[in-house]
């Protein structure tokens, strides 16, 4: 299974640049704050964690060219 490290990094930069809290992001996607923190940090690498990263990327339409 491919890793989603690049997607995790893009997501972290996206939420940081827009002052979106981990708590708000976790609430939006129906997961706990600790779980979201672990997913974005890369300590959770399960299929479900990878799917969550992909879902966040698609929801917010995060693209590498959009992040400066």
PDB file of N, CA and C in Angstrom:
ATOM      1  N   UNK A   1       0.853  -1.187   0.000  1.00  0.00           N
ATOM      2  CA  UNK A   1       0.000   0.000   0.000  1.00  0.00           C
ATOM      3  C   UNK A   1       0.885   1.231   0.000  1.00  0.00           C
ATOM      4  N   UNK A   2       0.632   2.168  -0.894  1.00  0.00           N
ATOM      5  CA  UNK A   2       1.445   3.386  -0.910  1.00  0.00           C
ATOM      6  C   UNK A   2       1.210   4.216   0.349  1.00  0.00           C
ATOM      7  N   UNK A   3       2.231   4.941   0.714  1.00  0.00           N
ATOM      8  CA  UNK A   3       2.083   5.808   1.884  1.00  0.00           C
ATOM      9  C   UNK A   3       1.427   7.113   1.463  1.00  0.00           C
ATOM     10  N   UNK A   4       0.925   7.805   2.432  1.00  0.00           N
ATOM     11  CA  UNK A   4       0.296   9.099   2.159  1.00  0.00           C
ATOM     12  C   UNK A   4       1.066  10.216   2.857  1.00  0.00           C
ATOM     13  N   UNK A   5       2.377  10.010   3.014  1.00  0.00           N
ATOM     14  CA  UNK A   5       3.200  10.993   3.714  1.00  0.00           C
ATOM     15  C   UNK A   5       3.117  12.371   3.072  1.00  0.00           C
ATOM     16  N   UNK A   6       3.214  12.437   1.765  1.00  0.00           N
ATOM     17  CA  UNK A   6       3.137  13.736   1.081  1.00  0.00           C
ATOM     18  C   UNK A   6       1.779  14.391   1.330  1.00  0.00           C
ATOM     19  N   UNK A   7       0.714  13.608   1.291  1.00  0.00           N
ATOM     20  CA  UNK A   7      -0.629  14.125   1.552  1.00  0.00           C
ATOM     21  C   UNK A   7      -0.788  14.609   2.977  1.00  0.00           C
ATOM     22  N   UNK A   8      -0.178  13.895   3.902  1.00  0.00           N
ATOM     23  CA  UNK A   8      -0.232  14.309   5.309  1.00  0.00           C
ATOM     24  C   UNK A   8       0.462  15.656   5.487  1.00  0.00           C
ATOM     25  N   UNK A   9       1.622  15.799   4.850  1.00  0.00           N
ATOM     26  CA  UNK A   9       2.370  17.052   4.959  1.00  0.00           C
ATOM     27  C   UNK A   9       1.596  18.207   4.321  1.00  0.00           C
ATOM     28  N   UNK A  10       1.014  17.968   3.163  1.00  0.00           N
ATOM     29  CA  UNK A  10       0.201  19.006   2.519  1.00  0.00           C
ATOM     30  C   UNK A  10      -0.988  19.402   3.397  1.00  0.00           C
ATOM     31  N   UNK A  11      -1.614  18.404   4.001  1.00  0.00           N
ATOM     32  CA  UNK A  11      -2.766  18.666   4.864  1.00  0.00           C
ATOM     33  C   UNK A  11      -2.355  19.485   6.078  1.00  0.00           C
ATOM     34  N   UNK A  12      -1.246  19.122   6.705  1.00  0.00           N
ATOM     35  CA  UNK A  12      -0.781  19.875   7.876  1.00  0.00           C
ATOM     36  C   UNK A  12      -0.482  21.327   7.509  1.00  0.00           C
ATOM     37  N   UNK A  13       0.162  21.530   6.373  1.00  0.00           N
ATOM     38  CA  UNK A  13       0.463  22.897   5.937  1.00  0.00           C
ATOM     39  C   UNK A  13      -0.825  23.658   5.633  1.00  0.00           C
ATOM     40  N   UNK A  14      -1.761  23.005   4.981  1.00  0.00           N
ATOM     41  CA  UNK A  14      -3.039  23.623   4.624  1.00  0.00           C
ATOM     42  C   UNK A  14      -3.778  24.104   5.878  1.00  0.00           C
ATOM     43  N   UNK A  15      -3.906  23.225   6.868  1.00  0.00           N
ATOM     44  CA  UNK A  15      -4.662  23.624   8.070  1.00  0.00           C
ATOM     45  C   UNK A  15      -3.900  24.651   8.889  1.00  0.00           C
ATOM     46  N   UNK A  16      -2.572  24.567   8.875  1.00  0.00           N
ATOM     47  CA  UNK A  16      -1.773  25.556   9.600  1.00  0.00           C
ATOM     48  C   UNK A  16      -1.899  26.933   8.951  1.00  0.00           C
ATOM     49  N   UNK A  17      -1.797  26.976   7.628  1.00  0.00           N
ATOM     50  CA  UNK A  17      -1.897  28.254   6.904  1.00  0.00           C
ATOM     51  C   UNK A  17      -3.254  28.917   7.076  1.00  0.00           C
ATOM     52  N   UNK A  18      -4.280  28.104   7.306  1.00  0.00           N
ATOM     53  CA  UNK A  18      -5.644  28.627   7.416  1.00  0.00           C
ATOM     54  C   UNK A  18      -6.167  28.644   8.851  1.00  0.00           C
ATOM     55  N   UNK A  19      -5.291  28.395   9.793  1.00  0.00           N
ATOM     56  CA  UNK A  19      -5.637  28.398  11.220  1.00  0.00           C
ATOM     57  C   UNK A  19      -6.821  27.484  11.537  1.00  0.00           C
ATOM     58  N   UNK A  20      -6.843  26.309  10.919  1.00  0.00           N
ATOM     59  CA  UNK A  20      -7.859  25.302  11.222  1.00  0.00           C
ATOM     60  C   UNK A  20      -7.293  24.420  12.323  1.00  0.00           C
ATOM     61  N   UNK A  21      -8.013  24.288  13.403  1.00  0.00           N
ATOM     62  CA  UNK A  21      -7.507  23.482  14.517  1.00  0.00           C
ATOM     63  C   UNK A  21      -7.683  21.988  14.240  1.00  0.00           C
ATOM     64  N   UNK A  22      -6.847  21.213  14.876  1.00  0.00           N
ATOM     65  CA  UNK A  22      -6.956  19.750  14.784  1.00  0.00           C
ATOM     66  C   UNK A  22      -8.318  19.320  15.316  1.00  0.00           C
ATOM     67  N   UNK A  23      -8.777  19.974  16.366  1.00  0.00           N
ATOM     68  CA  UNK A  23     -10.073  19.644  16.946  1.00  0.00           C
ATOM     69  C   UNK A  23     -11.197  19.877  15.944  1.00  0.00           C
ATOM     70  N   UNK A  24     -11.168  21.001  15.266  1.00  0.00           N
ATOM     71  CA  UNK A  24     -12.195  21.289  14.257  1.00  0.00           C
ATOM     72  C   UNK A  24     -12.132  20.288  13.113  1.00  0.00           C
ATOM     73  N   UNK A  25     -10.933  19.972  12.664  1.00  0.00           N
ATOM     74  CA  UNK A  25     -10.768  19.009  11.580  1.00  0.00           C
ATOM     75  C   UNK A  25     -11.278  17.635  12.005  1.00  0.00           C
ATOM     76  N   UNK A  26     -10.921  17.228  13.205  1.00  0.00           N
ATOM     77  CA  UNK A  26     -11.365  15.930  13.719  1.00  0.00           C
ATOM     78  C   UNK A  26     -12.885  15.879  13.833  1.00  0.00           C
ATOM     79  N   UNK A  27     -13.477  16.938  14.345  1.00  0.00           N
ATOM     80  CA  UNK A  27     -14.925  17.002  14.486  1.00  0.00           C
ATOM     81  C   UNK A  27     -15.600  16.933  13.125  1.00  0.00           C
ATOM     82  N   UNK A  28     -15.061  17.656  12.158  1.00  0.00           N
ATOM     83  CA  UNK A  28     -15.620  17.673  10.810  1.00  0.00           C
ATOM     84  C   UNK A  28     -15.651  16.271  10.204  1.00  0.00           C
ATOM     85  N   UNK A  29     -14.624  15.489  10.468  1.00  0.00           N
ATOM     86  CA  UNK A  29     -14.521  14.165   9.865  1.00  0.00           C
ATOM     87  C   UNK A  29     -14.943  13.036  10.804  1.00  0.00           C
ATOM     88  N   UNK A  30     -15.496  13.400  11.949  1.00  0.00           N
ATOM     89  CA  UNK A  30     -16.082  12.408  12.845  1.00  0.00           C
ATOM     90  C   UNK A  30     -15.106  11.481  13.537  1.00  0.00           C
ATOM     91  N   UNK A  31     -13.910  12.009  13.833  1.00  0.00           N
ATOM     92  CA  UNK A  31     -12.922  11.219  14.565  1.00  0.00           C
ATOM     93  C   UNK A  31     -12.453  12.019  15.772  1.00  0.00           C
ATOM     94  N   UNK A  32     -11.755  11.356  16.656  1.00  0.00           N
ATOM     95  CA  UNK A  32     -11.238  12.027  17.844  1.00  0.00           C
ATOM     96  C   UNK A  32     -10.015  12.877  17.534  1.00  0.00           C
ATOM     97  N   UNK A  33      -9.769  13.849  18.389  1.00  0.00           N
ATOM     98  CA  UNK A  33      -8.627  14.751  18.217  1.00  0.00           C
ATOM     99  C   UNK A  33      -7.316  13.970  18.244  1.00  0.00           C
ATOM    100  N   UNK A  34      -7.179  13.038  19.175  1.00  0.00           N
ATOM    101  CA  UNK A  34      -5.945  12.268  19.289  1.00  0.00           C
ATOM    102  C   UNK A  34      -5.716  11.422  18.042  1.00  0.00           C
ATOM    103  N   UNK A  35      -6.776  10.811  17.541  1.00  0.00           N
ATOM    104  CA  UNK A  35      -6.662  10.003  16.326  1.00  0.00           C
ATOM    105  C   UNK A  35      -6.224  10.871  15.145  1.00  0.00           C
ATOM    106  N   UNK A  36      -6.840  12.031  14.997  1.00  0.00           N
ATOM    107  CA  UNK A  36      -6.481  12.934  13.900  1.00  0.00           C
ATOM    108  C   UNK A  36      -5.021  13.358  14.023  1.00  0.00           C
ATOM    109  N   UNK A  37      -4.592  13.665  15.230  1.00  0.00           N
ATOM    110  CA  UNK A  37      -3.204  14.046  15.465  1.00  0.00           C
ATOM    111  C   UNK A  37      -2.263  12.926  15.040  1.00  0.00           C
ATOM    112  N   UNK A  38      -2.606  11.696  15.401  1.00  0.00           N
ATOM    113  CA  UNK A  38      -1.772  10.549  15.038  1.00  0.00           C
ATOM    114  C   UNK A  38      -1.771  10.304  13.529  1.00  0.00           C
ATOM    115  N   UNK A  39      -2.898  10.488  12.902  1.00  0.00           N
ATOM    116  CA  UNK A  39      -2.985  10.310  11.444  1.00  0.00           C
ATOM    117  C   UNK A  39      -2.095  11.336  10.751  1.00  0.00           C
ATOM    118  N   UNK A  40      -2.213  12.590  11.131  1.00  0.00           N
ATOM    119  CA  UNK A  40      -1.424  13.641  10.478  1.00  0.00           C
ATOM    120  C   UNK A  40       0.063  13.532  10.791  1.00  0.00           C
ATOM    121  N   UNK A  41       0.393  13.000  11.973  1.00  0.00           N
ATOM    122  CA  UNK A  41       1.794  12.813  12.350  1.00  0.00           C
ATOM    123  C   UNK A  41       2.399  11.598  11.651  1.00  0.00           C
ATOM    124  N   UNK A  42       1.542  10.723  11.151  1.00  0.00           N
ATOM    125  CA  UNK A  42       2.035   9.530  10.475  1.00  0.00           C
ATOM    126  C   UNK A  42       2.234   8.332  11.373  1.00  0.00           C
ATOM    127  N   UNK A  43       1.816   8.453  12.638  1.00  0.00           N
ATOM    128  CA  UNK A  43       1.939   7.300  13.525  1.00  0.00           C
ATOM    129  C   UNK A  43       0.823   6.293  13.296  1.00  0.00           C
ATOM    130  N   UNK A  44      -0.288   6.743  12.749  1.00  0.00           N
ATOM    131  CA  UNK A  44      -1.371   5.856  12.307  1.00  0.00           C
ATOM    132  C   UNK A  44      -1.245   5.736  10.796  1.00  0.00           C
ATOM    133  N   UNK A  45      -0.976   4.520  10.320  1.00  0.00           N
ATOM    134  CA  UNK A  45      -0.760   4.315   8.889  1.00  0.00           C
ATOM    135  C   UNK A  45      -1.652   3.217   8.326  1.00  0.00           C
ATOM    136  N   UNK A  46      -2.730   2.955   8.995  1.00  0.00           N
ATOM    137  CA  UNK A  46      -3.654   1.912   8.551  1.00  0.00           C
ATOM    138  C   UNK A  46      -4.382   2.346   7.279  1.00  0.00           C
ATOM    139  N   UNK A  47      -5.083   1.413   6.687  1.00  0.00           N
ATOM    140  CA  UNK A  47      -5.884   1.734   5.504  1.00  0.00           C
ATOM    141  C   UNK A  47      -6.909   2.810   5.841  1.00  0.00           C
ATOM    142  N   UNK A  48      -7.511   2.719   7.021  1.00  0.00           N
ATOM    143  CA  UNK A  48      -8.506   3.715   7.442  1.00  0.00           C
ATOM    144  C   UNK A  48      -7.866   5.093   7.594  1.00  0.00           C
ATOM    145  N   UNK A  49      -6.657   5.145   8.145  1.00  0.00           N
ATOM    146  CA  UNK A  49      -5.955   6.421   8.307  1.00  0.00           C
ATOM    147  C   UNK A  49      -5.623   7.020   6.945  1.00  0.00           C
ATOM    148  N   UNK A  50      -5.158   6.184   6.028  1.00  0.00           N
ATOM    149  CA  UNK A  50      -4.845   6.666   4.678  1.00  0.00           C
ATOM    150  C   UNK A  50      -6.098   7.170   3.970  1.00  0.00           C
ATOM    151  N   UNK A  51      -7.197   6.468   4.145  1.00  0.00           N
ATOM    152  CA  UNK A  51      -8.463   6.898   3.545  1.00  0.00           C
ATOM    153  C   UNK A  51      -8.899   8.247   4.111  1.00  0.00           C
ATOM    154  N   UNK A  52      -8.682   8.458   5.397  1.00  0.00           N
ATOM    155  CA  UNK A  52      -9.026   9.733   6.020  1.00  0.00           C
ATOM    156  C   UNK A  52      -8.207  10.866   5.401  1.00  0.00           C
ATOM    157  N   UNK A  53      -6.917  10.642   5.225  1.00  0.00           N
ATOM    158  CA  UNK A  53      -6.062  11.658   4.602  1.00  0.00           C
ATOM    159  C   UNK A  53      -6.576  11.979   3.202  1.00  0.00           C
ATOM    160  N   UNK A  54      -6.882  10.956   2.435  1.00  0.00           N
ATOM    161  CA  UNK A  54      -7.396  11.171   1.081  1.00  0.00           C
ATOM    162  C   UNK A  54      -8.734  11.912   1.094  1.00  0.00           C
ATOM    163  N   UNK A  55      -9.570  11.587   2.073  1.00  0.00           N
ATOM    164  CA  UNK A  55     -10.871  12.254   2.189  1.00  0.00           C
ATOM    165  C   UNK A  55     -10.692  13.746   2.503  1.00  0.00           C
ATOM    166  N   UNK A  56      -9.758  14.062   3.381  1.00  0.00           N
ATOM    167  CA  UNK A  56      -9.481  15.461   3.713  1.00  0.00           C
ATOM    168  C   UNK A  56      -8.983  16.198   2.476  1.00  0.00           C
ATOM    169  N   UNK A  57      -8.050  15.576   1.758  1.00  0.00           N
ATOM    170  CA  UNK A  57      -7.494  16.195   0.558  1.00  0.00           C
ATOM    171  C   UNK A  57      -8.588  16.470  -0.464  1.00  0.00           C
ATOM    172  N   UNK A  58      -9.454  15.523  -0.670  1.00  0.00           N
ATOM    173  CA  UNK A  58     -10.536  15.704  -1.645  1.00  0.00           C
ATOM    174  C   UNK A  58     -11.567  16.723  -1.177  1.00  0.00           C
ATOM    175  N   UNK A  59     -11.902  16.697   0.093  1.00  0.00           N
ATOM    176  CA  UNK A  59     -12.896  17.630   0.618  1.00  0.00           C
ATOM    177  C   UNK A  59     -12.451  19.079   0.456  1.00  0.00           C
ATOM    178  N   UNK A  60     -11.199  19.337   0.798  1.00  0.00           N
ATOM    179  CA  UNK A  60     -10.687  20.703   0.734  1.00  0.00           C
ATOM    180  C   UNK A  60     -10.008  21.016  -0.601  1.00  0.00           C
ATOM    181  N   UNK A  61      -9.962  20.020  -1.488  1.00  0.00           N
ATOM    182  CA  UNK A  61      -9.305  20.195  -2.802  1.00  0.00           C
ATOM    183  C   UNK A  61      -7.877  20.702  -2.637  1.00  0.00           C
ATOM    184  N   UNK A  62      -7.144  20.055  -1.736  1.00  0.00           N
ATOM    185  CA  UNK A  62      -5.766  20.430  -1.473  1.00  0.00           C
ATOM    186  C   UNK A  62      -4.895  19.909  -2.618  1.00  0.00           C
ATOM    187  N   UNK A  63      -4.122  20.807  -3.219  1.00  0.00           N
ATOM    188  CA  UNK A  63      -3.234  20.447  -4.316  1.00  0.00           C
ATOM    189  C   UNK A  63      -1.870  21.032  -4.037  1.00  0.00           C
ATOM    190  N   UNK A  64      -0.797  20.332  -4.444  1.00  0.00           N
ATOM    191  CA  UNK A  64       0.557  20.832  -4.165  1.00  0.00           C
ATOM    192  C   UNK A  64       0.809  22.238  -4.689  1.00  0.00           C
ATOM    193  N   UNK A  65       0.251  22.575  -5.818  1.00  0.00           N
ATOM    194  CA  UNK A  65       0.479  23.900  -6.406  1.00  0.00           C
ATOM    195  C   UNK A  65      -0.220  25.012  -5.635  1.00  0.00           C
ATOM    196  N   UNK A  66      -1.210  24.657  -4.813  1.00  0.00           N
ATOM    197  CA  UNK A  66      -1.967  25.647  -4.055  1.00  0.00           C
ATOM    198  C   UNK A  66      -1.266  26.035  -2.753  1.00  0.00           C
ATOM    199  N   UNK A  67      -0.317  25.225  -2.338  1.00  0.00           N
ATOM    200  CA  UNK A  67       0.363  25.437  -1.056  1.00  0.00           C
ATOM    201  C   UNK A  67       1.700  26.098  -1.332  1.00  0.00           C
ATOM    202  N   UNK A  68       1.862  27.301  -0.841  1.00  0.00           N
ATOM    203  CA  UNK A  68       3.139  28.021  -1.032  1.00  0.00           C
ATOM    204  C   UNK A  68       3.776  28.326   0.283  1.00  0.00           C
TER     205      UNK A  68
END
